[in-house]
Protein backbone atom coordinates (compact mmCIF):
# COMPACT_ATOMS: atom_id res chain seq x y z
CA MET A 1 -90.10 5.83 -25.69
CA GLU A 2 -88.36 3.50 -28.14
CA ASN A 3 -90.39 1.25 -30.42
CA GLN A 4 -89.41 -2.27 -29.38
CA ASN A 5 -90.95 -4.35 -32.17
CA ASN A 6 -90.71 -1.98 -35.18
CA LEU A 7 -94.48 -2.00 -35.62
CA PRO A 8 -96.04 1.41 -36.31
CA ASN A 9 -97.57 3.18 -33.34
CA ILE A 10 -101.23 4.14 -33.48
CA LEU A 11 -103.12 6.23 -30.93
CA ILE A 12 -106.91 5.88 -30.73
CA VAL A 13 -108.63 8.89 -29.16
CA ASP A 14 -112.32 8.35 -28.41
CA ASP A 15 -114.44 8.90 -25.28
CA GLU A 16 -116.80 6.06 -26.23
CA ILE A 17 -115.45 2.71 -25.09
CA GLY A 18 -117.28 0.70 -27.75
CA PRO A 19 -115.73 2.27 -30.86
CA ARG A 20 -112.40 2.69 -29.07
CA GLU A 21 -112.11 -0.98 -28.14
CA SER A 22 -113.49 -2.18 -31.47
CA LEU A 23 -110.84 -0.26 -33.36
CA ARG A 24 -108.14 -1.39 -30.95
CA MET A 25 -108.96 -5.05 -31.58
CA ILE A 26 -109.12 -4.51 -35.35
CA VAL A 27 -105.65 -2.96 -35.68
CA LYS A 28 -103.89 -4.76 -32.81
CA PRO A 29 -102.34 -7.54 -34.98
CA ASN A 30 -100.31 -5.06 -37.08
CA TYR A 31 -99.74 -2.06 -34.83
CA ASN A 32 -98.61 -0.98 -31.39
CA VAL A 33 -101.94 0.35 -30.16
CA PHE A 34 -102.43 3.05 -27.52
CA THR A 35 -105.86 4.28 -26.44
CA VAL A 36 -107.04 7.35 -24.53
CA GLU A 37 -110.49 8.73 -23.87
CA ASN A 38 -109.98 12.50 -24.12
CA GLY A 39 -107.92 15.20 -25.79
CA ASN A 40 -105.74 16.10 -22.83
CA ALA A 41 -104.63 12.48 -22.44
CA ALA A 42 -103.92 12.33 -26.17
CA ILE A 43 -101.69 15.42 -26.00
CA GLN A 44 -99.76 13.99 -23.06
CA MET A 45 -99.33 10.68 -24.89
CA ILE A 46 -98.06 12.38 -28.07
CA GLN A 47 -95.50 14.27 -25.97
CA GLN A 48 -94.13 10.99 -24.61
CA ILE A 49 -94.37 8.58 -27.55
CA ALA A 50 -93.82 9.19 -31.27
CA MET A 51 -96.97 8.14 -33.09
CA ASP A 52 -97.35 7.21 -36.73
CA VAL A 53 -101.13 7.51 -36.81
CA VAL A 54 -103.75 9.12 -34.58
CA THR A 55 -107.46 8.35 -34.98
CA LEU A 56 -109.39 11.21 -33.43
CA ASP A 57 -113.00 11.72 -32.44
CA LEU A 58 -114.24 15.31 -32.72
CA LYS A 59 -116.85 15.42 -29.97
CA MET A 60 -115.37 14.58 -26.57
CA PRO A 61 -115.74 15.97 -23.05
CA GLY A 62 -113.16 18.59 -22.05
CA ILE A 63 -110.88 19.81 -24.82
CA SER A 64 -112.58 19.41 -28.22
CA GLY A 65 -111.34 17.22 -31.02
CA ILE A 66 -110.45 20.28 -33.12
CA ASP A 67 -108.40 21.84 -30.33
CA THR A 68 -106.74 18.48 -29.71
CA LEU A 69 -105.89 18.31 -33.41
CA LYS A 70 -104.30 21.77 -33.30
CA GLU A 71 -102.14 20.83 -30.30
CA ILE A 72 -101.06 17.53 -31.87
CA ARG A 73 -100.02 19.34 -35.05
CA MET A 74 -97.83 21.69 -33.00
CA ILE A 75 -96.14 18.76 -31.27
CA ASP A 76 -95.71 16.53 -34.33
CA PRO A 77 -96.43 17.97 -37.80
CA ASP A 78 -95.66 14.62 -39.47
CA VAL A 79 -98.10 12.33 -37.64
CA MET A 80 -100.97 11.11 -39.82
CA ILE A 81 -104.36 12.04 -38.37
CA ILE A 82 -107.61 10.31 -39.28
CA ILE A 83 -110.88 11.80 -38.04
CA ILE A 84 -113.44 9.16 -37.02
CA THR A 85 -116.61 10.76 -35.71
CA GLY A 86 -120.35 10.30 -35.43
CA TYR A 87 -121.01 14.00 -34.88
CA GLY A 88 -119.28 15.60 -37.83
CA THR A 89 -120.59 18.65 -39.66
CA LEU A 90 -119.31 20.28 -42.83
CA LYS A 91 -118.01 23.19 -40.74
CA SER A 92 -116.10 20.94 -38.34
CA ALA A 93 -114.80 18.83 -41.22
CA ILE A 94 -113.42 21.84 -43.10
CA GLU A 95 -111.84 23.18 -39.92
CA ALA A 96 -110.19 19.81 -39.28
CA ILE A 97 -109.03 19.57 -42.89
CA ARG A 98 -107.20 22.90 -42.53
CA TYR A 99 -104.92 21.18 -40.04
CA GLY A 100 -103.91 18.45 -42.44
CA VAL A 101 -106.00 15.37 -41.67
CA PHE A 102 -105.33 12.40 -43.92
CA ASP A 103 -108.91 11.16 -43.97
CA TYR A 104 -112.33 11.87 -42.48
CA ILE A 105 -114.55 8.88 -41.69
CA PRO A 106 -118.09 8.87 -40.26
CA LYS A 107 -119.20 6.36 -37.62
CA PRO A 108 -120.07 3.57 -37.77
CA PHE A 109 -116.99 2.69 -39.80
CA ASN A 110 -116.53 -0.17 -42.24
CA VAL A 111 -113.86 -2.59 -40.95
CA PRO A 112 -112.03 -3.38 -44.26
CA GLU A 113 -112.15 0.30 -45.18
CA ILE A 114 -110.69 1.53 -41.90
CA ILE A 115 -107.89 -1.07 -42.04
CA SER A 116 -107.05 0.00 -45.59
CA ILE A 117 -107.04 3.69 -44.71
CA ILE A 118 -104.81 3.23 -41.67
CA ASP A 119 -102.38 1.06 -43.66
CA LYS A 120 -102.23 3.66 -46.43
CA SER A 121 -101.69 6.46 -43.94
CA VAL A 122 -98.62 4.68 -42.58
CA GLN A 123 -97.24 4.17 -46.09
CA ARG A 124 -97.92 7.83 -46.88
CA LYS A 125 -96.08 9.00 -43.78
CA LYS A 126 -93.00 7.01 -44.82
CA LEU A 127 -93.15 8.56 -48.28
CA ASN A 128 -93.62 12.06 -46.83
CA LEU A 129 -90.56 11.66 -44.62
CA LYS A 130 -88.47 10.36 -47.51
CA ILE A 131 -89.42 13.36 -49.60
CA LYS A 132 -88.53 15.72 -46.75
CA GLU A 133 -85.21 13.91 -46.49
CA VAL A 134 -84.60 14.49 -50.19
CA VAL A 135 -85.49 18.15 -49.81
CA SER A 136 -83.21 18.61 -46.81
CA LYS A 137 -80.29 17.04 -48.67
CA PHE A 138 -80.82 19.56 -51.44
CA PHE A 139 -78.60 22.03 -49.63
CA ASP A 140 -75.99 19.63 -48.31
CA HIS A 141 -74.75 17.30 -51.00
CA PRO A 142 -71.61 18.42 -52.89
CA SER A 143 -72.58 16.91 -56.22
CA PHE A 144 -75.85 17.23 -58.07
CA LYS A 145 -74.65 14.87 -60.83
CA GLU A 146 -74.28 12.08 -58.31
CA SER A 147 -77.98 12.36 -57.51
CA LEU A 148 -78.84 12.01 -61.18
CA LEU A 149 -77.09 8.65 -61.28
CA ASN A 150 -79.74 7.52 -58.81
CA ALA A 151 -82.66 9.05 -60.69
CA SER A 152 -84.19 5.66 -61.41
CA LEU A 153 -84.34 4.74 -57.73
CA SER A 154 -87.64 5.25 -55.96
CA ILE A 155 -87.90 7.60 -53.03
CA GLN A 156 -88.49 4.54 -50.86
CA ASN A 157 -84.92 3.48 -51.61
CA GLY A 158 -83.66 7.01 -51.30
CA ILE A 159 -82.35 9.54 -53.77
CA ASN A 160 -78.77 10.25 -52.84
CA GLY A 161 -78.10 13.92 -52.59
CA ILE A 162 -79.29 17.02 -54.30
CA ALA A 163 -77.25 20.08 -55.25
CA ASN A 164 -76.34 22.69 -52.67
CA ASN A 165 -77.57 25.40 -55.01
CA LYS A 166 -80.48 27.78 -54.47
CA TRP A 167 -82.70 29.78 -56.74
CA ASN A 168 -81.64 33.43 -56.62
CA GLY A 169 -82.81 36.64 -58.21
CA GLU A 170 -81.07 35.79 -61.45
CA GLY A 171 -82.36 32.25 -61.55
CA PHE A 172 -81.06 28.91 -60.36
CA SER A 173 -77.33 28.62 -60.88
CA ASP A 174 -77.88 25.47 -62.91
CA ASN A 175 -81.45 25.61 -64.21
CA GLN A 176 -81.31 22.41 -66.23
CA ASN A 177 -79.99 20.38 -63.32
CA PHE A 178 -82.71 21.65 -61.04
CA LEU A 179 -85.27 20.89 -63.73
CA LYS A 180 -83.94 17.31 -63.78
CA PHE A 181 -84.36 17.11 -60.02
CA ALA A 182 -87.98 18.26 -60.33
CA LYS A 183 -88.52 15.62 -63.01
CA VAL A 184 -87.03 12.89 -60.81
CA LEU A 185 -89.19 13.88 -57.85
CA ALA A 186 -92.37 13.96 -59.95
CA HIS A 187 -91.53 10.60 -61.52
CA THR A 188 -90.93 8.86 -58.20
CA LEU A 189 -94.25 10.14 -56.86
CA GLU A 190 -96.21 8.98 -59.91
CA GLU A 191 -94.51 5.72 -60.82
CA LYS A 192 -96.63 3.44 -58.61
CA ASP A 193 -99.98 4.81 -59.81
CA PRO A 194 -100.94 3.89 -63.38
CA TYR A 195 -103.50 6.69 -63.44
CA THR A 196 -100.99 9.46 -62.71
CA SER A 197 -97.88 8.00 -64.36
CA GLY A 198 -96.39 10.54 -66.72
CA HIS A 199 -98.97 13.23 -65.91
CA SER A 200 -96.50 15.88 -64.74
CA GLU A 201 -94.21 15.14 -67.69
CA ARG A 202 -97.05 15.78 -70.12
CA VAL A 203 -98.23 18.91 -68.28
CA CYS A 204 -94.66 20.22 -68.50
CA TYR A 205 -94.52 19.34 -72.20
CA TYR A 206 -97.74 21.17 -73.04
CA SER A 207 -96.92 24.14 -70.81
CA ASP A 208 -93.55 24.68 -72.44
CA PHE A 209 -95.12 24.70 -75.89
CA ILE A 210 -97.43 27.50 -74.77
CA ALA A 211 -94.56 29.38 -73.09
CA LYS A 212 -92.48 29.20 -76.25
CA ARG A 213 -95.37 30.54 -78.33
CA LEU A 214 -95.63 33.49 -75.93
CA TYR A 215 -91.90 34.19 -76.39
CA LEU A 216 -91.21 34.05 -72.67
CA SER A 217 -87.58 34.25 -71.56
CA PRO A 218 -85.55 31.07 -70.90
CA LYS A 219 -85.71 31.78 -67.16
CA GLU A 220 -89.51 32.19 -67.27
CA ARG A 221 -89.86 29.01 -69.31
CA THR A 222 -87.72 27.05 -66.86
CA GLU A 223 -89.74 28.32 -63.90
CA ILE A 224 -92.95 27.18 -65.60
CA GLN A 225 -91.42 23.77 -66.36
CA VAL A 226 -90.30 23.27 -62.75
CA ALA A 227 -93.74 24.31 -61.47
CA ALA A 228 -95.43 21.98 -63.97
CA TYR A 229 -93.42 19.01 -62.73
CA LEU A 230 -94.17 19.82 -59.08
CA HIS A 231 -97.73 21.17 -59.35
CA ASP A 232 -99.34 18.09 -57.76
CA VAL A 233 -96.66 17.17 -55.22
CA GLY A 234 -99.03 18.07 -52.35
CA LYS A 235 -101.34 15.19 -53.25
CA ILE A 236 -98.99 12.84 -51.40
CA GLY A 237 -100.60 14.17 -48.22
CA ILE A 238 -104.13 13.26 -49.31
CA SER A 239 -105.72 9.82 -49.32
CA ASN A 240 -106.22 8.28 -52.77
CA ARG A 241 -109.76 7.53 -51.59
CA PHE A 242 -110.53 11.13 -52.46
CA ILE A 243 -108.14 11.66 -55.37
CA ASN A 244 -109.50 8.65 -57.31
CA LYS A 245 -113.04 8.55 -55.96
CA LYS A 246 -115.72 7.23 -58.29
CA GLY A 247 -118.95 9.17 -58.34
CA THR A 248 -119.84 12.61 -57.02
CA LEU A 249 -117.54 14.28 -54.55
CA THR A 250 -119.17 15.43 -51.31
CA PRO A 251 -118.38 18.90 -49.92
CA ILE A 252 -116.05 17.24 -47.40
CA ASP A 253 -114.29 15.25 -50.15
CA TRP A 254 -113.83 18.43 -52.15
CA ALA A 255 -112.52 20.40 -49.17
CA ILE A 256 -109.88 17.71 -48.57
CA ILE A 257 -108.75 17.64 -52.21
CA LYS A 258 -108.46 21.44 -52.31
CA GLN A 259 -105.76 21.24 -49.66
CA HIS A 260 -103.20 19.80 -52.07
CA THR A 261 -102.02 23.22 -53.29
CA LYS A 262 -101.35 24.31 -49.71
CA LYS A 263 -99.56 21.04 -48.96
CA SER A 264 -97.39 21.50 -52.06
CA ILE A 265 -96.19 24.88 -50.86
CA GLU A 266 -95.50 23.59 -47.34
CA LEU A 267 -93.36 20.82 -48.78
CA LEU A 268 -91.46 22.97 -51.28
CA VAL A 269 -90.74 26.08 -49.19
CA PRO A 270 -87.45 24.63 -47.82
CA LEU A 271 -86.09 24.50 -51.38
CA ASN A 272 -86.00 28.31 -51.56
CA LEU A 273 -87.63 28.23 -54.98
CA SER A 274 -88.43 31.49 -56.71
CA SER A 275 -91.67 33.19 -55.72
CA ASN A 276 -92.82 32.72 -59.34
CA ILE A 277 -92.52 28.93 -59.16
CA LEU A 278 -94.37 28.77 -55.85
CA SER A 279 -97.14 31.05 -57.09
CA TYR A 280 -97.62 28.96 -60.25
CA ILE A 281 -98.05 25.85 -58.10
CA GLN A 282 -100.23 27.52 -55.49
CA TYR A 283 -102.64 29.11 -57.98
CA HIS A 284 -102.97 26.60 -60.82
CA HIS A 285 -106.55 25.83 -59.72
CA GLU A 286 -107.68 29.44 -59.72
CA ARG A 287 -110.27 30.35 -62.38
CA ILE A 288 -110.47 33.38 -64.62
CA ASP A 289 -113.97 34.18 -63.29
CA GLY A 290 -112.71 34.21 -59.67
CA THR A 291 -114.46 31.03 -58.50
CA GLY A 292 -111.32 28.87 -58.18
CA TYR A 293 -109.14 28.06 -55.19
CA PRO A 294 -107.30 28.63 -52.89
CA ASP A 295 -107.75 32.44 -52.90
CA GLY A 296 -110.42 33.19 -55.48
CA LEU A 297 -108.10 35.15 -57.75
CA ALA A 298 -109.53 36.37 -61.07
CA GLY A 299 -108.24 37.40 -64.48
CA ASP A 300 -104.73 38.80 -64.55
CA GLN A 301 -104.45 38.41 -60.76
CA ILE A 302 -103.61 34.80 -61.56
CA PRO A 303 -99.91 34.48 -62.49
CA ILE A 304 -99.25 33.69 -66.14
CA GLY A 305 -97.51 30.40 -65.30
CA ALA A 306 -100.49 29.23 -63.22
CA ARG A 307 -102.87 30.05 -66.09
CA ILE A 308 -100.71 28.06 -68.50
CA ILE A 309 -100.40 25.05 -66.19
CA ALA A 310 -104.16 25.11 -65.52
CA ILE A 311 -104.89 24.54 -69.22
CA SER A 312 -102.19 21.89 -69.66
CA ASP A 313 -103.27 20.10 -66.48
CA ALA A 314 -106.94 20.06 -67.48
CA TYR A 315 -106.26 18.87 -71.02
CA ASP A 316 -104.05 16.00 -69.87
CA SER A 317 -106.53 15.04 -67.15
CA MET A 318 -109.41 15.00 -69.64
CA THR A 319 -107.50 12.87 -72.17
CA SER A 320 -106.12 10.39 -69.58
CA ASP A 321 -107.73 7.30 -68.06
CA HIS A 322 -109.01 7.55 -64.47
CA PRO A 323 -110.69 5.12 -62.06
CA TYR A 324 -113.81 7.30 -62.13
CA ARG A 325 -114.09 7.86 -65.91
CA LYS A 326 -112.72 6.99 -69.33
CA PRO A 327 -110.62 9.53 -71.23
CA LEU A 328 -112.28 12.06 -73.49
CA SER A 329 -111.38 12.11 -77.15
CA ASN A 330 -108.99 14.78 -78.31
CA GLY A 331 -111.85 16.62 -80.00
CA ASP A 332 -114.11 16.52 -76.94
CA ALA A 333 -111.29 17.74 -74.71
CA LYS A 334 -110.61 20.68 -77.04
CA ASN A 335 -114.32 21.54 -77.09
CA GLU A 336 -114.37 21.49 -73.29
CA LEU A 337 -111.45 23.93 -73.19
CA LEU A 338 -113.36 26.22 -75.57
CA ASN A 339 -116.54 25.95 -73.48
CA CYS A 340 -114.62 26.91 -70.33
CA ALA A 341 -112.60 29.70 -71.92
CA GLY A 342 -113.38 32.98 -70.17
CA LYS A 343 -114.82 31.16 -67.17
CA GLN A 344 -112.24 28.66 -65.98
CA PHE A 345 -109.39 29.34 -68.38
CA ASP A 346 -107.69 32.37 -69.91
CA PRO A 347 -109.36 32.58 -73.36
CA ASN A 348 -106.23 33.95 -75.05
CA LEU A 349 -104.11 31.09 -73.71
CA VAL A 350 -106.76 28.54 -74.72
CA SER A 351 -106.54 29.91 -78.26
CA VAL A 352 -102.74 29.63 -78.20
CA PHE A 353 -102.90 26.07 -76.84
CA LEU A 354 -105.40 24.93 -79.45
CA ASP A 355 -103.20 26.40 -82.19
CA VAL A 356 -100.26 24.47 -80.73
CA LEU A 357 -102.27 21.24 -80.65
CA LYS A 358 -103.35 21.74 -84.24
CA GLU A 359 -99.78 22.22 -85.39
CA MET A 360 -98.65 19.17 -83.42
CA GLU A 361 -101.40 17.08 -85.00
CA GLU A 362 -100.39 18.24 -88.47
CA VAL A 363 -96.76 17.31 -87.80
CA PHE A 364 -97.80 13.83 -86.64
CA LEU A 365 -100.05 13.38 -89.69
CA VAL A 366 -97.16 14.24 -92.02
CA ARG A 367 -94.82 11.94 -90.11
CA ASP A 368 -97.28 9.04 -90.19
CA HIS A 369 -97.89 9.61 -93.90
CA LEU A 370 -94.15 9.46 -94.60
CA LYS A 371 -93.89 6.24 -92.62
CA SER A 372 -96.76 4.60 -94.51
CA PRO A 373 -95.81 2.08 -97.21
CA SER A 374 -96.11 3.37 -100.74
CA ILE A 375 -99.04 2.09 -102.76
CA SER A 376 -98.52 0.80 -106.31
CA TYR A 377 -101.17 1.10 -108.94
């Protein structure tokens, strides 16, 4: 069915008439609103009408909310799903999160909050589709250089064309151009958020310093740089309510945030990147002691690039401003890396990184000294 008024379509799925009608009235001014009272009706509706957002109760008669979620995902993997339930448990929340929900809200909901979340989910869907468009054009456009002319454009305005090259066993046929593409993609994702702006650039910068100190090959260094730029790309599928939350994260919050590595891989698989790049992105939150995610890898099971990016990512996060805390000083951040060496981080790589930081600081001290005005006595 064609959208007649260009408003986003939202489907409210709830067997309780009170919450269903309340939400319908709240969002009606800005959306085409459809309502159903059970999972089977929701599945039939999704098959007939393209939805932008689905709000879904978990406990309903007949087919459960979780099974409804699974079916909806099979029909439309791009629709944004928001769980709104009064009967949620940690187990049901984690199961729902595995199927890519955007947010998880307990009843009774707060009206301004639910409006904000639904609005953001629509914006996020548009961004997701633009990124997929960019990825799909990767194989089709005859000129990579043309895309670089548009590097300053946001994804919302489109990035025109990406090279028709692929990463092969010998490496990408034009490594530097692909690295530029990764940089453009990371920049467009971060540019509207002052708290993440430049993060991937800095993580890439630190990671390459470590890679050079380890005397890795140019191909290995480039793979680490590409992975560093793209390590957080999956966060576009997660509400900023969790990413920038002030205060303690609940188990449900944490389960949602952990999904960003999986979402990154899902988004990047069509690019046919090397298995090394994908593994560095997928495992950069693993810990040396085996308590990280997503797979609980330990020690040398964690790919070298992922171990490098983990240190660079943590250092930049600690020394950057966030909505939930002020940045740590350089000294405090280095002490934290030392405290976590052997538990969270590879102790040998921490030592290398701290040596690199020390040398960088010495270079800057010399430079600043040379720039200082001479003093006459």
